[in-house]
Amino acid sequence: MQAPLVAIGALLGLLQWFISGGQLWLYGAILIFSNLPYTFAIIMPVNKKLMSMPPNSSNAETRILVQKWGQLHLVRTGLGLAATLVFVLASLF
């Protein structure tokens, strides 16, 4: 669900940039789109490791991976928040 929303947000940001020429729209589109490669290249390997672990077999490695996943997800959340703020600023100017 997130990938299509990112793609739609980036496309709409690019479209508005083409229409208005405002650089903030382009920056917002780049920020929101950066979630896709970040997720696939950085977060997906951690997800795959966690998903490959058998249920009820949590250990120190599981805890470390879950904490790492949380930190990585925080970056992704920050990218989305930054894109939203840039889009809001672009709409005000």
C-alpha atoms as a PDB file:
ATOM      1  CA  MET A   1       0.000   0.000   0.000  1.00  0.00           C
ATOM      2  CA  GLN A   2       2.829   2.419   0.806  1.00  0.00           C
ATOM      3  CA  ALA A   3       4.617   2.122  -2.542  1.00  0.00           C
ATOM      4  CA  PRO A   4       1.585   3.265  -4.579  1.00  0.00           C
ATOM      5  CA  LEU A   5       0.983   6.166  -2.187  1.00  0.00           C
ATOM      6  CA  VAL A   6       4.616   7.239  -2.488  1.00  0.00           C
ATOM      7  CA  ALA A   7       4.425   6.994  -6.280  1.00  0.00           C
ATOM      8  CA  ILE A   8       1.192   9.003  -6.405  1.00  0.00           C
ATOM      9  CA  GLY A   9       2.591  11.669  -4.061  1.00  0.00           C
ATOM     10  CA  ALA A  10       5.773  11.970  -6.112  1.00  0.00           C
ATOM     11  CA  LEU A  11       3.877  12.128  -9.412  1.00  0.00           C
ATOM     12  CA  LEU A  12       1.491  14.777  -8.130  1.00  0.00           C
ATOM     13  CA  GLY A  13       4.404  16.793  -6.744  1.00  0.00           C
ATOM     14  CA  LEU A  14       6.168  16.596 -10.112  1.00  0.00           C
ATOM     15  CA  LEU A  15       2.980  17.549 -11.917  1.00  0.00           C
ATOM     16  CA  GLN A  16       2.522  20.607  -9.726  1.00  0.00           C
ATOM     17  CA  TRP A  17       6.181  21.521 -10.273  1.00  0.00           C
ATOM     18  CA  PHE A  18       5.645  21.365 -14.056  1.00  0.00           C
ATOM     19  CA  ILE A  19       2.507  23.497 -13.740  1.00  0.00           C
ATOM     20  CA  SER A  20       3.755  26.128 -11.293  1.00  0.00           C
ATOM     21  CA  GLY A  21       7.515  25.932 -11.636  1.00  0.00           C
ATOM     22  CA  GLY A  22       7.911  26.169  -7.858  1.00  0.00           C
ATOM     23  CA  GLN A  23      11.090  24.407  -6.766  1.00  0.00           C
ATOM     24  CA  LEU A  24       9.543  23.339  -3.452  1.00  0.00           C
ATOM     25  CA  TRP A  25       7.179  21.005  -5.316  1.00  0.00           C
ATOM     26  CA  LEU A  26      10.172  19.296  -6.912  1.00  0.00           C
ATOM     27  CA  TYR A  27      11.964  18.994  -3.558  1.00  0.00           C
ATOM     28  CA  GLY A  28       8.859  17.518  -1.951  1.00  0.00           C
ATOM     29  CA  ALA A  29       8.472  15.015  -4.792  1.00  0.00           C
ATOM     30  CA  ILE A  30      12.103  13.955  -4.434  1.00  0.00           C
ATOM     31  CA  LEU A  31      11.771  13.598  -0.669  1.00  0.00           C
ATOM     32  CA  ILE A  32       8.628  11.488  -0.846  1.00  0.00           C
ATOM     33  CA  PHE A  33      10.010   9.348  -3.669  1.00  0.00           C
ATOM     34  CA  SER A  34      13.237   8.692  -1.745  1.00  0.00           C
ATOM     35  CA  ASN A  35      11.187   6.466   0.549  1.00  0.00           C
ATOM     36  CA  LEU A  36      10.995   3.784  -2.162  1.00  0.00           C
ATOM     37  CA  PRO A  37      14.694   3.075  -2.720  1.00  0.00           C
ATOM     38  CA  TYR A  38      15.386   3.529   1.000  1.00  0.00           C
ATOM     39  CA  THR A  39      12.741   0.963   1.881  1.00  0.00           C
ATOM     40  CA  PHE A  40      13.805  -1.583  -0.709  1.00  0.00           C
ATOM     41  CA  ALA A  41      17.564  -1.225  -0.213  1.00  0.00           C
ATOM     42  CA  ILE A  42      17.826  -0.615   3.534  1.00  0.00           C
ATOM     43  CA  ILE A  43      14.683  -1.794   5.339  1.00  0.00           C
ATOM     44  CA  MET A  44      13.745  -4.859   3.256  1.00  0.00           C
ATOM     45  CA  PRO A  45      16.860  -6.885   4.177  1.00  0.00           C
ATOM     46  CA  VAL A  46      16.096  -6.386   7.875  1.00  0.00           C
ATOM     47  CA  ASN A  47      12.448  -7.355   7.262  1.00  0.00           C
ATOM     48  CA  LYS A  48      13.536 -10.515   5.455  1.00  0.00           C
ATOM     49  CA  LYS A  49      15.817 -11.532   8.320  1.00  0.00           C
ATOM     50  CA  LEU A  50      13.048 -10.969  10.844  1.00  0.00           C
ATOM     51  CA  MET A  51      10.477 -12.834   8.761  1.00  0.00           C
ATOM     52  CA  SER A  52      12.815 -15.790   8.292  1.00  0.00           C
ATOM     53  CA  MET A  53      13.092 -16.358  12.032  1.00  0.00           C
ATOM     54  CA  PRO A  54      10.761 -19.014  13.389  1.00  0.00           C
ATOM     55  CA  PRO A  55       7.974 -17.820  15.676  1.00  0.00           C
ATOM     56  CA  ASN A  56       8.640 -18.193  19.402  1.00  0.00           C
ATOM     57  CA  SER A  57      12.396 -18.211  18.850  1.00  0.00           C
ATOM     58  CA  SER A  58      13.194 -14.692  19.915  1.00  0.00           C
ATOM     59  CA  ASN A  59      16.698 -14.091  21.187  1.00  0.00           C
ATOM     60  CA  ALA A  60      19.267 -11.307  21.426  1.00  0.00           C
ATOM     61  CA  GLU A  61      19.628 -11.181  17.625  1.00  0.00           C
ATOM     62  CA  THR A  62      15.875 -10.754  17.219  1.00  0.00           C
ATOM     63  CA  ARG A  63      15.866  -7.889  19.699  1.00  0.00           C
ATOM     64  CA  ILE A  64      18.751  -6.162  17.895  1.00  0.00           C
ATOM     65  CA  LEU A  65      17.010  -6.559  14.526  1.00  0.00           C
ATOM     66  CA  VAL A  66      13.709  -5.196  15.850  1.00  0.00           C
ATOM     67  CA  GLN A  67      15.504  -2.189  17.349  1.00  0.00           C
ATOM     68  CA  LYS A  68      17.371  -1.624  14.091  1.00  0.00           C
ATOM     69  CA  TRP A  69      14.095  -1.891  12.166  1.00  0.00           C
ATOM     70  CA  GLY A  70      12.576   0.752  14.439  1.00  0.00           C
ATOM     71  CA  GLN A  71      15.452   3.144  13.832  1.00  0.00           C
ATOM     72  CA  LEU A  72      15.290   2.570  10.078  1.00  0.00           C
ATOM     73  CA  HIS A  73      11.545   3.116  10.109  1.00  0.00           C
ATOM     74  CA  LEU A  74      12.067   6.381  11.975  1.00  0.00           C
ATOM     75  CA  VAL A  75      14.190   7.625   9.061  1.00  0.00           C
ATOM     76  CA  ARG A  76      11.437   6.657   6.620  1.00  0.00           C
ATOM     77  CA  THR A  77       8.892   8.472   8.773  1.00  0.00           C
ATOM     78  CA  GLY A  78      11.166  11.518   8.817  1.00  0.00           C
ATOM     79  CA  LEU A  79      11.378  11.511   5.016  1.00  0.00           C
ATOM     80  CA  GLY A  80       7.589  11.452   4.780  1.00  0.00           C
ATOM     81  CA  LEU A  81       7.231  14.209   7.362  1.00  0.00           C
ATOM     82  CA  ALA A  82       9.841  16.353   5.607  1.00  0.00           C
ATOM     83  CA  ALA A  83       8.072  15.864   2.270  1.00  0.00           C
ATOM     84  CA  THR A  84       4.751  16.825   3.832  1.00  0.00           C
ATOM     85  CA  LEU A  85       6.215  19.984   5.336  1.00  0.00           C
ATOM     86  CA  VAL A  86       7.827  20.940   2.016  1.00  0.00           C
ATOM     87  CA  PHE A  87       4.508  20.370   0.199  1.00  0.00           C
ATOM     88  CA  VAL A  88       2.697  22.516   2.780  1.00  0.00           C
ATOM     89  CA  LEU A  89       5.259  25.298   2.351  1.00  0.00           C
ATOM     90  CA  ALA A  90       4.981  25.001  -1.435  1.00  0.00           C
ATOM     91  CA  SER A  91       1.210  25.349  -1.251  1.00  0.00           C
ATOM     92  CA  LEU A  92       1.526  28.485   0.888  1.00  0.00           C
ATOM     93  CA  PHE A  93       3.939  30.229  -1.469  1.00  0.00           C
END
